[in-house]
């Protein structure tokens, strides 16, 4: 999520988990400029060798995010959704946040301490 607000083009290579970049779809729905390359990118400077399961995401920013209705897919993706929703203009409805509170100690208390404006429903 943070890279959607960074200046310029950023590239993230995922070489371990084949579906890790699936969470970017909700960020795109919120207005992020992200293109996922499901078979990775050829060439360019690399820190790790190219791998068979590789995917890459190219993120252009900064982009304004707008509120949306999104469903938490997993712990890491859900964390980025909540942060994106807090950074977005307008209201977001993020469902399935229970996994986040189980995965990060006192997560919602910490958001409150930072001044986040949210309600937990259900």
PDB file of N, CA and C in Angstrom:
ATOM      1  N   UNK A   1       0.820  -1.183   0.000  1.00  0.00           N
ATOM      2  CA  UNK A   1       0.000   0.000   0.000  1.00  0.00           C
ATOM      3  C   UNK A   1       0.866   1.250   0.000  1.00  0.00           C
ATOM      4  N   UNK A   2       1.928   1.263   0.763  1.00  0.00           N
ATOM      5  CA  UNK A   2       2.764   2.454   0.887  1.00  0.00           C
ATOM      6  C   UNK A   2       3.311   2.894  -0.470  1.00  0.00           C
ATOM      7  N   UNK A   3       3.630   1.948  -1.330  1.00  0.00           N
ATOM      8  CA  UNK A   3       4.196   2.310  -2.630  1.00  0.00           C
ATOM      9  C   UNK A   3       3.188   3.036  -3.521  1.00  0.00           C
ATOM     10  N   UNK A   4       1.890   2.912  -3.245  1.00  0.00           N
ATOM     11  CA  UNK A   4       0.902   3.657  -4.034  1.00  0.00           C
ATOM     12  C   UNK A   4       1.010   5.149  -3.762  1.00  0.00           C
ATOM     13  N   UNK A   5       1.647   5.514  -2.653  1.00  0.00           N
ATOM     14  CA  UNK A   5       1.786   6.915  -2.278  1.00  0.00           C
ATOM     15  C   UNK A   5       3.204   7.442  -2.495  1.00  0.00           C
ATOM     16  N   UNK A   6       4.101   6.592  -2.956  1.00  0.00           N
ATOM     17  CA  UNK A   6       5.478   6.995  -3.229  1.00  0.00           C
ATOM     18  C   UNK A   6       5.575   7.651  -4.600  1.00  0.00           C
ATOM     19  N   UNK A   7       6.504   8.552  -4.747  1.00  0.00           N
ATOM     20  CA  UNK A   7       6.721   9.261  -6.012  1.00  0.00           C
ATOM     21  C   UNK A   7       7.442   8.343  -6.999  1.00  0.00           C
ATOM     22  N   UNK A   8       6.907   8.221  -8.217  1.00  0.00           N
ATOM     23  CA  UNK A   8       7.567   7.470  -9.274  1.00  0.00           C
ATOM     24  C   UNK A   8       7.092   6.037  -9.408  1.00  0.00           C
ATOM     25  N   UNK A   9       7.910   5.230 -10.080  1.00  0.00           N
ATOM     26  CA  UNK A   9       7.579   3.838 -10.352  1.00  0.00           C
ATOM     27  C   UNK A   9       8.346   2.920  -9.413  1.00  0.00           C
ATOM     28  N   UNK A  10       7.622   1.974  -8.821  1.00  0.00           N
ATOM     29  CA  UNK A  10       8.233   0.971  -7.941  1.00  0.00           C
ATOM     30  C   UNK A  10       7.901  -0.405  -8.491  1.00  0.00           C
ATOM     31  N   UNK A  11       8.808  -1.351  -8.305  1.00  0.00           N
ATOM     32  CA  UNK A  11       8.576  -2.720  -8.738  1.00  0.00           C
ATOM     33  C   UNK A  11       8.800  -3.660  -7.565  1.00  0.00           C
ATOM     34  N   UNK A  12       7.849  -4.557  -7.363  1.00  0.00           N
ATOM     35  CA  UNK A  12       7.945  -5.573  -6.322  1.00  0.00           C
ATOM     36  C   UNK A  12       7.962  -6.931  -7.008  1.00  0.00           C
ATOM     37  N   UNK A  13       8.966  -7.736  -6.688  1.00  0.00           N
ATOM     38  CA  UNK A  13       9.067  -9.089  -7.222  1.00  0.00           C
ATOM     39  C   UNK A  13       8.667 -10.066  -6.120  1.00  0.00           C
ATOM     40  N   UNK A  14       7.760 -10.966  -6.413  1.00  0.00           N
ATOM     41  CA  UNK A  14       7.361 -12.021  -5.486  1.00  0.00           C
ATOM     42  C   UNK A  14       7.898 -13.325  -6.041  1.00  0.00           C
ATOM     43  N   UNK A  15       8.748 -13.985  -5.277  1.00  0.00           N
ATOM     44  CA  UNK A  15       9.398 -15.197  -5.781  1.00  0.00           C
ATOM     45  C   UNK A  15       9.082 -16.441  -4.948  1.00  0.00           C
ATOM     46  N   UNK A  16       8.214 -16.322  -3.938  1.00  0.00           N
ATOM     47  CA  UNK A  16       7.953 -17.453  -3.062  1.00  0.00           C
ATOM     48  C   UNK A  16       6.518 -17.956  -3.188  1.00  0.00           C
ATOM     49  N   UNK A  17       5.564 -17.073  -2.986  1.00  0.00           N
ATOM     50  CA  UNK A  17       4.158 -17.480  -2.944  1.00  0.00           C
ATOM     51  C   UNK A  17       3.456 -17.003  -4.202  1.00  0.00           C
ATOM     52  N   UNK A  18       2.929 -17.935  -4.990  1.00  0.00           N
ATOM     53  CA  UNK A  18       2.419 -17.611  -6.321  1.00  0.00           C
ATOM     54  C   UNK A  18       1.199 -16.698  -6.349  1.00  0.00           C
ATOM     55  N   UNK A  19       0.445 -16.582  -5.264  1.00  0.00           N
ATOM     56  CA  UNK A  19      -0.739 -15.719  -5.270  1.00  0.00           C
ATOM     57  C   UNK A  19      -0.612 -14.505  -4.363  1.00  0.00           C
ATOM     58  N   UNK A  20       0.580 -14.199  -3.909  1.00  0.00           N
ATOM     59  CA  UNK A  20       0.776 -13.106  -2.956  1.00  0.00           C
ATOM     60  C   UNK A  20       0.281 -11.754  -3.493  1.00  0.00           C
ATOM     61  N   UNK A  21       0.399 -11.509  -4.774  1.00  0.00           N
ATOM     62  CA  UNK A  21       0.032 -10.202  -5.321  1.00  0.00           C
ATOM     63  C   UNK A  21      -1.452 -10.079  -5.651  1.00  0.00           C
ATOM     64  N   UNK A  22      -2.241 -11.094  -5.339  1.00  0.00           N
ATOM     65  CA  UNK A  22      -3.678 -11.041  -5.580  1.00  0.00           C
ATOM     66  C   UNK A  22      -4.361  -9.927  -4.806  1.00  0.00           C
ATOM     67  N   UNK A  23      -3.783  -9.540  -3.672  1.00  0.00           N
ATOM     68  CA  UNK A  23      -4.397  -8.494  -2.859  1.00  0.00           C
ATOM     69  C   UNK A  23      -4.375  -7.134  -3.549  1.00  0.00           C
ATOM     70  N   UNK A  24      -3.578  -6.973  -4.587  1.00  0.00           N
ATOM     71  CA  UNK A  24      -3.483  -5.671  -5.255  1.00  0.00           C
ATOM     72  C   UNK A  24      -4.775  -5.286  -5.975  1.00  0.00           C
ATOM     73  N   UNK A  25      -5.635  -6.255  -6.276  1.00  0.00           N
ATOM     74  CA  UNK A  25      -6.886  -5.960  -6.983  1.00  0.00           C
ATOM     75  C   UNK A  25      -7.750  -4.964  -6.219  1.00  0.00           C
ATOM     76  N   UNK A  26      -7.840  -5.118  -4.908  1.00  0.00           N
ATOM     77  CA  UNK A  26      -8.648  -4.186  -4.114  1.00  0.00           C
ATOM     78  C   UNK A  26      -8.005  -2.805  -4.089  1.00  0.00           C
ATOM     79  N   UNK A  27      -6.681  -2.739  -4.086  1.00  0.00           N
ATOM     80  CA  UNK A  27      -6.009  -1.437  -4.114  1.00  0.00           C
ATOM     81  C   UNK A  27      -6.266  -0.733  -5.448  1.00  0.00           C
ATOM     82  N   UNK A  28      -6.288  -1.494  -6.525  1.00  0.00           N
ATOM     83  CA  UNK A  28      -6.620  -0.924  -7.843  1.00  0.00           C
ATOM     84  C   UNK A  28      -8.059  -0.410  -7.824  1.00  0.00           C
ATOM     85  N   UNK A  29      -8.957  -1.163  -7.205  1.00  0.00           N
ATOM     86  CA  UNK A  29     -10.360  -0.734  -7.072  1.00  0.00           C
ATOM     87  C   UNK A  29     -10.455   0.608  -6.339  1.00  0.00           C
ATOM     88  N   UNK A  30      -9.505   0.849  -5.438  1.00  0.00           N
ATOM     89  CA  UNK A  30      -9.485   2.098  -4.671  1.00  0.00           C
ATOM     90  C   UNK A  30      -8.780   3.229  -5.428  1.00  0.00           C
ATOM     91  N   UNK A  31      -8.211   2.934  -6.594  1.00  0.00           N
ATOM     92  CA  UNK A  31      -7.592   3.968  -7.407  1.00  0.00           C
ATOM     93  C   UNK A  31      -6.095   3.830  -7.614  1.00  0.00           C
ATOM     94  N   UNK A  32      -5.474   2.817  -7.036  1.00  0.00           N
ATOM     95  CA  UNK A  32      -4.032   2.629  -7.191  1.00  0.00           C
ATOM     96  C   UNK A  32      -3.692   2.250  -8.627  1.00  0.00           C
ATOM     97  N   UNK A  33      -2.526   2.683  -9.082  1.00  0.00           N
ATOM     98  CA  UNK A  33      -2.020   2.356 -10.415  1.00  0.00           C
ATOM     99  C   UNK A  33      -1.035   1.200 -10.263  1.00  0.00           C
ATOM    100  N   UNK A  34      -1.556  -0.026 -10.314  1.00  0.00           N
ATOM    101  CA  UNK A  34      -0.739  -1.220 -10.126  1.00  0.00           C
ATOM    102  C   UNK A  34      -1.009  -2.175 -11.286  1.00  0.00           C
ATOM    103  N   UNK A  35       0.065  -2.650 -11.900  1.00  0.00           N
ATOM    104  CA  UNK A  35      -0.043  -3.667 -12.943  1.00  0.00           C
ATOM    105  C   UNK A  35       0.727  -4.884 -12.469  1.00  0.00           C
ATOM    106  N   UNK A  36       0.039  -6.021 -12.382  1.00  0.00           N
ATOM    107  CA  UNK A  36       0.673  -7.266 -11.965  1.00  0.00           C
ATOM    108  C   UNK A  36       1.073  -8.051 -13.210  1.00  0.00           C
ATOM    109  N   UNK A  37       2.315  -8.484 -13.225  1.00  0.00           N
ATOM    110  CA  UNK A  37       2.840  -9.326 -14.305  1.00  0.00           C
ATOM    111  C   UNK A  37       2.938 -10.736 -13.728  1.00  0.00           C
ATOM    112  N   UNK A  38       2.010 -11.598 -14.113  1.00  0.00           N
ATOM    113  CA  UNK A  38       1.877 -12.913 -13.494  1.00  0.00           C
ATOM    114  C   UNK A  38       3.031 -13.859 -13.783  1.00  0.00           C
ATOM    115  N   UNK A  39       3.870 -13.523 -14.745  1.00  0.00           N
ATOM    116  CA  UNK A  39       5.031 -14.370 -15.045  1.00  0.00           C
ATOM    117  C   UNK A  39       6.329 -13.610 -14.810  1.00  0.00           C
ATOM    118  N   UNK A  40       6.254 -12.558 -13.991  1.00  0.00           N
ATOM    119  CA  UNK A  40       7.448 -11.785 -13.670  1.00  0.00           C
ATOM    120  C   UNK A  40       7.864 -10.860 -14.795  1.00  0.00           C
ATOM    121  N   UNK A  41       8.989 -10.211 -14.586  1.00  0.00           N
ATOM    122  CA  UNK A  41       9.557  -9.298 -15.573  1.00  0.00           C
ATOM    123  C   UNK A  41      10.935  -9.796 -15.992  1.00  0.00           C
ATOM    124  N   UNK A  42      11.220  -9.677 -17.245  1.00  0.00           N
ATOM    125  CA  UNK A  42      12.534 -10.061 -17.756  1.00  0.00           C
ATOM    126  C   UNK A  42      13.497  -8.889 -17.616  1.00  0.00           C
ATOM    127  N   UNK A  43      14.775  -9.212 -17.478  1.00  0.00           N
ATOM    128  CA  UNK A  43      15.823  -8.199 -17.492  1.00  0.00           C
ATOM    129  C   UNK A  43      15.832  -7.296 -16.274  1.00  0.00           C
ATOM    130  N   UNK A  44      16.649  -6.253 -16.359  1.00  0.00           N
ATOM    131  CA  UNK A  44      16.754  -5.284 -15.283  1.00  0.00           C
ATOM    132  C   UNK A  44      17.657  -5.769 -14.162  1.00  0.00           C
ATOM    133  N   UNK A  45      18.041  -4.839 -13.325  1.00  0.00           N
ATOM    134  CA  UNK A  45      18.894  -5.183 -12.183  1.00  0.00           C
ATOM    135  C   UNK A  45      18.080  -6.005 -11.180  1.00  0.00           C
ATOM    136  N   UNK A  46      18.676  -7.043 -10.652  1.00  0.00           N
ATOM    137  CA  UNK A  46      17.964  -7.940  -9.741  1.00  0.00           C
ATOM    138  C   UNK A  46      18.818  -8.233  -8.515  1.00  0.00           C
ATOM    139  N   UNK A  47      18.143  -8.324  -7.376  1.00  0.00           N
ATOM    140  CA  UNK A  47      18.812  -8.702  -6.138  1.00  0.00           C
ATOM    141  C   UNK A  47      18.819 -10.222  -5.987  1.00  0.00           C
ATOM    142  N   UNK A  48      17.786 -10.890  -6.503  1.00  0.00           N
ATOM    143  CA  UNK A  48      17.703 -12.350  -6.436  1.00  0.00           C
ATOM    144  C   UNK A  48      17.506 -12.897  -7.851  1.00  0.00           C
ATOM    145  N   UNK A  49      17.941 -14.128  -8.094  1.00  0.00           N
ATOM    146  CA  UNK A  49      17.757 -14.707  -9.429  1.00  0.00           C
ATOM    147  C   UNK A  49      16.281 -14.925  -9.752  1.00  0.00           C
ATOM    148  N   UNK A  50      15.970 -14.905 -11.017  1.00  0.00           N
ATOM    149  CA  UNK A  50      14.607 -15.170 -11.473  1.00  0.00           C
ATOM    150  C   UNK A  50      14.206 -16.583 -11.074  1.00  0.00           C
ATOM    151  N   UNK A  51      12.931 -16.757 -10.676  1.00  0.00           N
ATOM    152  CA  UNK A  51      12.439 -18.064 -10.232  1.00  0.00           C
ATOM    153  C   UNK A  51      11.166 -18.432 -10.980  1.00  0.00           C
ATOM    154  N   UNK A  52      10.840 -19.713 -10.980  1.00  0.00           N
ATOM    155  CA  UNK A  52       9.705 -20.229 -11.755  1.00  0.00           C
ATOM    156  C   UNK A  52       8.364 -19.625 -11.318  1.00  0.00           C
ATOM    157  N   UNK A  53       8.138 -19.411 -10.029  1.00  0.00           N
ATOM    158  CA  UNK A  53       6.854 -18.903  -9.544  1.00  0.00           C
ATOM    159  C   UNK A  53       6.784 -17.384  -9.511  1.00  0.00           C
ATOM    160  N   UNK A  54       7.773 -16.732 -10.044  1.00  0.00           N
ATOM    161  CA  UNK A  54       7.873 -15.289  -9.893  1.00  0.00           C
ATOM    162  C   UNK A  54       6.708 -14.521 -10.500  1.00  0.00           C
ATOM    163  N   UNK A  55       6.270 -13.510  -9.769  1.00  0.00           N
ATOM    164  CA  UNK A  55       5.329 -12.502 -10.248  1.00  0.00           C
ATOM    165  C   UNK A  55       5.964 -11.148  -9.954  1.00  0.00           C
ATOM    166  N   UNK A  56       5.474 -10.122 -10.598  1.00  0.00           N
ATOM    167  CA  UNK A  56       5.965  -8.776 -10.310  1.00  0.00           C
ATOM    168  C   UNK A  56       4.799  -7.806 -10.360  1.00  0.00           C
ATOM    169  N   UNK A  57       4.869  -6.792  -9.522  1.00  0.00           N
ATOM    170  CA  UNK A  57       3.880  -5.712  -9.542  1.00  0.00           C
ATOM    171  C   UNK A  57       4.627  -4.408  -9.798  1.00  0.00           C
ATOM    172  N   UNK A  58       4.126  -3.634 -10.752  1.00  0.00           N
ATOM    173  CA  UNK A  58       4.680  -2.318 -11.037  1.00  0.00           C
ATOM    174  C   UNK A  58       3.669  -1.301 -10.533  1.00  0.00           C
ATOM    175  N   UNK A  59       4.114  -0.454  -9.624  1.00  0.00           N
ATOM    176  CA  UNK A  59       3.243   0.514  -8.967  1.00  0.00           C
ATOM    177  C   UNK A  59       3.707   1.911  -9.332  1.00  0.00           C
ATOM    178  N   UNK A  60       2.787   2.732  -9.846  1.00  0.00           N
ATOM    179  CA  UNK A  60       3.093   4.125 -10.153  1.00  0.00           C
ATOM    180  C   UNK A  60       2.381   5.005  -9.145  1.00  0.00           C
ATOM    181  N   UNK A  61       3.105   5.975  -8.634  1.00  0.00           N
ATOM    182  CA  UNK A  61       2.502   6.830  -7.614  1.00  0.00           C
ATOM    183  C   UNK A  61       3.088   8.219  -7.630  1.00  0.00           C
ATOM    184  N   UNK A  62       2.560   9.055  -6.824  1.00  0.00           N
ATOM    185  CA  UNK A  62       1.467   8.755  -5.906  1.00  0.00           C
ATOM    186  C   UNK A  62       0.108   8.791  -6.612  1.00  0.00           C
ATOM    187  N   UNK A  63      -0.815   7.994  -6.116  1.00  0.00           N
ATOM    188  CA  UNK A  63      -2.183   8.013  -6.632  1.00  0.00           C
ATOM    189  C   UNK A  63      -3.150   8.226  -5.468  1.00  0.00           C
ATOM    190  N   UNK A  64      -4.139   9.087  -5.654  1.00  0.00           N
ATOM    191  CA  UNK A  64      -5.139   9.249  -4.597  1.00  0.00           C
ATOM    192  C   UNK A  64      -5.999   7.992  -4.506  1.00  0.00           C
ATOM    193  N   UNK A  65      -6.278   7.570  -3.293  1.00  0.00           N
ATOM    194  CA  UNK A  65      -7.139   6.414  -3.081  1.00  0.00           C
ATOM    195  C   UNK A  65      -8.510   6.887  -2.636  1.00  0.00           C
ATOM    196  N   UNK A  66      -9.550   6.174  -3.056  1.00  0.00           N
ATOM    197  CA  UNK A  66     -10.916   6.504  -2.651  1.00  0.00           C
ATOM    198  C   UNK A  66     -11.519   5.307  -1.927  1.00  0.00           C
ATOM    199  N   UNK A  67     -12.466   5.579  -1.064  1.00  0.00           N
ATOM    200  CA  UNK A  67     -13.112   4.541  -0.280  1.00  0.00           C
ATOM    201  C   UNK A  67     -13.763   3.483  -1.153  1.00  0.00           C
ATOM    202  N   UNK A  68     -13.823   2.263  -0.620  1.00  0.00           N
ATOM    203  CA  UNK A  68     -14.417   1.149  -1.360  1.00  0.00           C
ATOM    204  C   UNK A  68     -14.856   0.079  -0.367  1.00  0.00           C
ATOM    205  N   UNK A  69     -15.643  -0.866  -0.862  1.00  0.00           N
ATOM    206  CA  UNK A  69     -15.997  -2.045  -0.076  1.00  0.00           C
ATOM    207  C   UNK A  69     -15.039  -3.154  -0.468  1.00  0.00           C
ATOM    208  N   UNK A  70     -14.300  -3.653   0.522  1.00  0.00           N
ATOM    209  CA  UNK A  70     -13.298  -4.670   0.246  1.00  0.00           C
ATOM    210  C   UNK A  70     -13.335  -5.759   1.315  1.00  0.00           C
ATOM    211  N   UNK A  71     -12.938  -6.952   0.915  1.00  0.00           N
ATOM    212  CA  UNK A  71     -12.933  -8.134   1.787  1.00  0.00           C
ATOM    213  C   UNK A  71     -11.491  -8.539   2.058  1.00  0.00           C
ATOM    214  N   UNK A  72     -11.148  -8.733   3.314  1.00  0.00           N
ATOM    215  CA  UNK A  72      -9.804  -9.132   3.708  1.00  0.00           C
ATOM    216  C   UNK A  72      -9.533 -10.556   3.205  1.00  0.00           C
ATOM    217  N   UNK A  73      -8.477 -10.737   2.395  1.00  0.00           N
ATOM    218  CA  UNK A  73      -8.176 -12.068   1.869  1.00  0.00           C
ATOM    219  C   UNK A  73      -7.297 -12.899   2.802  1.00  0.00           C
ATOM    220  N   UNK A  74      -6.400 -12.229   3.510  1.00  0.00           N
ATOM    221  CA  UNK A  74      -5.448 -12.906   4.388  1.00  0.00           C
ATOM    222  C   UNK A  74      -4.832 -11.855   5.308  1.00  0.00           C
ATOM    223  N   UNK A  75      -3.934 -12.282   6.159  1.00  0.00           N
ATOM    224  CA  UNK A  75      -3.360 -11.385   7.157  1.00  0.00           C
ATOM    225  C   UNK A  75      -2.604 -10.213   6.535  1.00  0.00           C
ATOM    226  N   UNK A  76      -1.666 -10.488   5.655  1.00  0.00           N
ATOM    227  CA  UNK A  76      -0.845  -9.409   5.082  1.00  0.00           C
ATOM    228  C   UNK A  76      -1.654  -8.506   4.161  1.00  0.00           C
ATOM    229  N   UNK A  77      -2.452  -9.117   3.296  1.00  0.00           N
ATOM    230  CA  UNK A  77      -3.299  -8.320   2.405  1.00  0.00           C
ATOM    231  C   UNK A  77      -4.288  -7.487   3.198  1.00  0.00           C
ATOM    232  N   UNK A  78      -4.870  -8.079   4.234  1.00  0.00           N
ATOM    233  CA  UNK A  78      -5.829  -7.365   5.065  1.00  0.00           C
ATOM    234  C   UNK A  78      -5.221  -6.162   5.756  1.00  0.00           C
ATOM    235  N   UNK A  79      -4.001  -6.327   6.230  1.00  0.00           N
ATOM    236  CA  UNK A  79      -3.298  -5.205   6.865  1.00  0.00           C
ATOM    237  C   UNK A  79      -3.175  -4.048   5.881  1.00  0.00           C
ATOM    238  N   UNK A  80      -2.766  -4.351   4.654  1.00  0.00           N
ATOM    239  CA  UNK A  80      -2.597  -3.284   3.660  1.00  0.00           C
ATOM    240  C   UNK A  80      -3.948  -2.662   3.292  1.00  0.00           C
ATOM    241  N   UNK A  81      -5.029  -3.458   3.297  1.00  0.00           N
ATOM    242  CA  UNK A  81      -6.359  -2.914   3.002  1.00  0.00           C
ATOM    243  C   UNK A  81      -6.792  -1.911   4.066  1.00  0.00           C
ATOM    244  N   UNK A  82      -6.569  -2.253   5.320  1.00  0.00           N
ATOM    245  CA  UNK A  82      -6.962  -1.341   6.402  1.00  0.00           C
ATOM    246  C   UNK A  82      -6.161  -0.047   6.318  1.00  0.00           C
ATOM    247  N   UNK A  83      -4.870  -0.146   6.083  1.00  0.00           N
ATOM    248  CA  UNK A  83      -4.044   1.055   5.966  1.00  0.00           C
ATOM    249  C   UNK A  83      -4.481   1.878   4.750  1.00  0.00           C
ATOM    250  N   UNK A  84      -4.766   1.217   3.635  1.00  0.00           N
ATOM    251  CA  UNK A  84      -5.239   1.925   2.437  1.00  0.00           C
ATOM    252  C   UNK A  84      -6.576   2.611   2.708  1.00  0.00           C
ATOM    253  N   UNK A  85      -7.479   1.921   3.402  1.00  0.00           N
ATOM    254  CA  UNK A  85      -8.786   2.505   3.719  1.00  0.00           C
ATOM    255  C   UNK A  85      -8.631   3.740   4.592  1.00  0.00           C
ATOM    256  N   UNK A  86      -7.696   3.711   5.520  1.00  0.00           N
ATOM    257  CA  UNK A  86      -7.462   4.876   6.383  1.00  0.00           C
ATOM    258  C   UNK A  86      -6.848   6.037   5.605  1.00  0.00           C
ATOM    259  N   UNK A  87      -6.073   5.727   4.578  1.00  0.00           N
ATOM    260  CA  UNK A  87      -5.442   6.779   3.770  1.00  0.00           C
ATOM    261  C   UNK A  87      -6.377   7.319   2.686  1.00  0.00           C
ATOM    262  N   UNK A  88      -7.426   6.582   2.366  1.00  0.00           N
ATOM    263  CA  UNK A  88      -8.322   6.938   1.259  1.00  0.00           C
ATOM    264  C   UNK A  88      -9.256   8.086   1.627  1.00  0.00           C
ATOM    265  N   UNK A  89      -9.675   8.814   0.603  1.00  0.00           N
ATOM    266  CA  UNK A  89     -10.711   9.822   0.752  1.00  0.00           C
ATOM    267  C   UNK A  89     -12.052   9.114   0.741  1.00  0.00           C
ATOM    268  N   UNK A  90     -12.954   9.506   1.626  1.00  0.00           N
ATOM    269  CA  UNK A  90     -14.267   8.882   1.672  1.00  0.00           C
ATOM    270  C   UNK A  90     -14.275   7.684   2.602  1.00  0.00           C
ATOM    271  N   UNK A  91     -15.402   7.029   2.638  1.00  0.00           N
ATOM    272  CA  UNK A  91     -15.594   5.915   3.556  1.00  0.00           C
ATOM    273  C   UNK A  91     -15.311   4.583   2.879  1.00  0.00           C
ATOM    274  N   UNK A  92     -14.636   3.716   3.616  1.00  0.00           N
ATOM    275  CA  UNK A  92     -14.394   2.352   3.161  1.00  0.00           C
ATOM    276  C   UNK A  92     -15.074   1.399   4.116  1.00  0.00           C
ATOM    277  N   UNK A  93     -15.473   0.262   3.584  1.00  0.00           N
ATOM    278  CA  UNK A  93     -16.040  -0.797   4.411  1.00  0.00           C
ATOM    279  C   UNK A  93     -15.162  -2.030   4.172  1.00  0.00           C
ATOM    280  N   UNK A  94     -14.421  -2.402   5.211  1.00  0.00           N
ATOM    281  CA  UNK A  94     -13.502  -3.535   5.112  1.00  0.00           C
ATOM    282  C   UNK A  94     -14.079  -4.668   5.946  1.00  0.00           C
ATOM    283  N   UNK A  95     -14.436  -5.772   5.301  1.00  0.00           N
ATOM    284  CA  UNK A  95     -15.015  -6.901   6.041  1.00  0.00           C
ATOM    285  C   UNK A  95     -13.982  -8.001   6.213  1.00  0.00           C
ATOM    286  N   UNK A  96     -14.181  -8.809   7.249  1.00  0.00           N
ATOM    287  CA  UNK A  96     -13.263  -9.913   7.531  1.00  0.00           C
ATOM    288  C   UNK A  96     -12.022  -9.494   8.288  1.00  0.00           C
ATOM    289  N   UNK A  97     -12.115  -8.418   9.090  1.00  0.00           N
ATOM    290  CA  UNK A  97     -10.927  -7.894   9.786  1.00  0.00           C
ATOM    291  C   UNK A  97     -10.521  -8.723  11.003  1.00  0.00           C
ATOM    292  N   UNK A  98     -11.324  -9.714  11.375  1.00  0.00           N
ATOM    293  CA  UNK A  98     -10.987 -10.544  12.523  1.00  0.00           C
ATOM    294  C   UNK A  98      -9.627 -11.202  12.403  1.00  0.00           C
ATOM    295  N   UNK A  99      -9.270 -11.602  11.199  1.00  0.00           N
ATOM    296  CA  UNK A  99      -7.968 -12.241  10.987  1.00  0.00           C
ATOM    297  C   UNK A  99      -6.829 -11.291  11.335  1.00  0.00           C
ATOM    298  N   UNK A 100      -7.034  -9.993  11.111  1.00  0.00           N
ATOM    299  CA  UNK A 100      -5.991  -9.015  11.405  1.00  0.00           C
ATOM    300  C   UNK A 100      -5.806  -8.880  12.915  1.00  0.00           C
ATOM    301  N   UNK A 101      -6.914  -8.799  13.644  1.00  0.00           N
ATOM    302  CA  UNK A 101      -6.802  -8.642  15.091  1.00  0.00           C
ATOM    303  C   UNK A 101      -6.199  -9.887  15.743  1.00  0.00           C
ATOM    304  N   UNK A 102      -6.363 -11.055  15.125  1.00  0.00           N
ATOM    305  CA  UNK A 102      -5.730 -12.265  15.650  1.00  0.00           C
ATOM    306  C   UNK A 102      -4.250 -12.331  15.282  1.00  0.00           C
ATOM    307  N   UNK A 103      -3.871 -11.708  14.177  1.00  0.00           N
ATOM    308  CA  UNK A 103      -2.491 -11.797  13.699  1.00  0.00           C
ATOM    309  C   UNK A 103      -1.570 -10.700  14.190  1.00  0.00           C
ATOM    310  N   UNK A 104      -2.124  -9.563  14.595  1.00  0.00           N
ATOM    311  CA  UNK A 104      -1.322  -8.432  15.078  1.00  0.00           C
ATOM    312  C   UNK A 104      -1.840  -8.032  16.453  1.00  0.00           C
ATOM    313  N   UNK A 105      -0.979  -8.108  17.447  1.00  0.00           N
ATOM    314  CA  UNK A 105      -1.370  -7.817  18.821  1.00  0.00           C
ATOM    315  C   UNK A 105      -1.882  -6.384  18.967  1.00  0.00           C
ATOM    316  N   UNK A 106      -3.086  -6.244  19.528  1.00  0.00           N
ATOM    317  CA  UNK A 106      -3.715  -4.954  19.824  1.00  0.00           C
ATOM    318  C   UNK A 106      -3.724  -4.017  18.606  1.00  0.00           C
ATOM    319  N   UNK A 107      -3.950  -4.592  17.448  1.00  0.00           N
ATOM    320  CA  UNK A 107      -3.897  -3.834  16.190  1.00  0.00           C
ATOM    321  C   UNK A 107      -4.831  -2.627  16.202  1.00  0.00           C
ATOM    322  N   UNK A 108      -6.084  -2.829  16.592  1.00  0.00           N
ATOM    323  CA  UNK A 108      -7.049  -1.732  16.546  1.00  0.00           C
ATOM    324  C   UNK A 108      -6.795  -0.709  17.641  1.00  0.00           C
ATOM    325  N   UNK A 109      -6.275  -1.150  18.781  1.00  0.00           N
ATOM    326  CA  UNK A 109      -5.874  -0.211  19.833  1.00  0.00           C
ATOM    327  C   UNK A 109      -4.749   0.695  19.335  1.00  0.00           C
ATOM    328  N   UNK A 110      -3.826   0.116  18.595  1.00  0.00           N
ATOM    329  CA  UNK A 110      -2.705   0.895  18.054  1.00  0.00           C
ATOM    330  C   UNK A 110      -3.190   1.903  17.014  1.00  0.00           C
ATOM    331  N   UNK A 111      -4.151   1.499  16.176  1.00  0.00           N
ATOM    332  CA  UNK A 111      -4.718   2.442  15.204  1.00  0.00           C
ATOM    333  C   UNK A 111      -5.416   3.601  15.913  1.00  0.00           C
ATOM    334  N   UNK A 112      -6.158   3.288  16.960  1.00  0.00           N
ATOM    335  CA  UNK A 112      -6.827   4.323  17.742  1.00  0.00           C
ATOM    336  C   UNK A 112      -5.800   5.283  18.339  1.00  0.00           C
ATOM    337  N   UNK A 113      -4.713   4.754  18.876  1.00  0.00           N
ATOM    338  CA  UNK A 113      -3.659   5.588  19.471  1.00  0.00           C
ATOM    339  C   UNK A 113      -3.034   6.515  18.428  1.00  0.00           C
ATOM    340  N   UNK A 114      -3.063   6.112  17.166  1.00  0.00           N
ATOM    341  CA  UNK A 114      -2.519   6.947  16.089  1.00  0.00           C
ATOM    342  C   UNK A 114      -3.533   7.966  15.575  1.00  0.00           C
ATOM    343  N   UNK A 115      -4.768   7.890  16.085  1.00  0.00           N
ATOM    344  CA  UNK A 115      -5.799   8.837  15.672  1.00  0.00           C
ATOM    345  C   UNK A 115      -6.678   8.362  14.519  1.00  0.00           C
ATOM    346  N   UNK A 116      -6.634   7.075  14.209  1.00  0.00           N
ATOM    347  CA  UNK A 116      -7.446   6.540  13.106  1.00  0.00           C
ATOM    348  C   UNK A 116      -8.929   6.649  13.447  1.00  0.00           C
ATOM    349  N   UNK A 117      -9.730   6.982  12.440  1.00  0.00           N
ATOM    350  CA  UNK A 117     -11.181   7.113  12.599  1.00  0.00           C
ATOM    351  C   UNK A 117     -11.837   5.899  11.952  1.00  0.00           C
ATOM    352  N   UNK A 118     -12.322   4.961  12.789  1.00  0.00           N
ATOM    353  CA  UNK A 118     -12.954   3.760  12.258  1.00  0.00           C
ATOM    354  C   UNK A 118     -13.945   3.198  13.269  1.00  0.00           C
ATOM    355  N   UNK A 119     -14.843   2.363  12.766  1.00  0.00           N
ATOM    356  CA  UNK A 119     -15.795   1.643  13.597  1.00  0.00           C
ATOM    357  C   UNK A 119     -15.685   0.172  13.242  1.00  0.00           C
ATOM    358  N   UNK A 120     -15.753  -0.676  14.244  1.00  0.00           N
ATOM    359  CA  UNK A 120     -15.788  -2.115  14.003  1.00  0.00           C
ATOM    360  C   UNK A 120     -17.235  -2.550  14.207  1.00  0.00           C
ATOM    361  N   UNK A 121     -17.814  -3.116  13.148  1.00  0.00           N
ATOM    362  CA  UNK A 121     -19.210  -3.525  13.171  1.00  0.00           C
ATOM    363  C   UNK A 121     -19.263  -5.049  13.122  1.00  0.00           C
ATOM    364  N   UNK A 122     -20.117  -5.630  13.955  1.00  0.00           N
ATOM    365  CA  UNK A 122     -20.327  -7.070  13.892  1.00  0.00           C
ATOM    366  C   UNK A 122     -19.475  -7.880  14.755  1.00  0.00           C
TER     367      UNK A 122
END
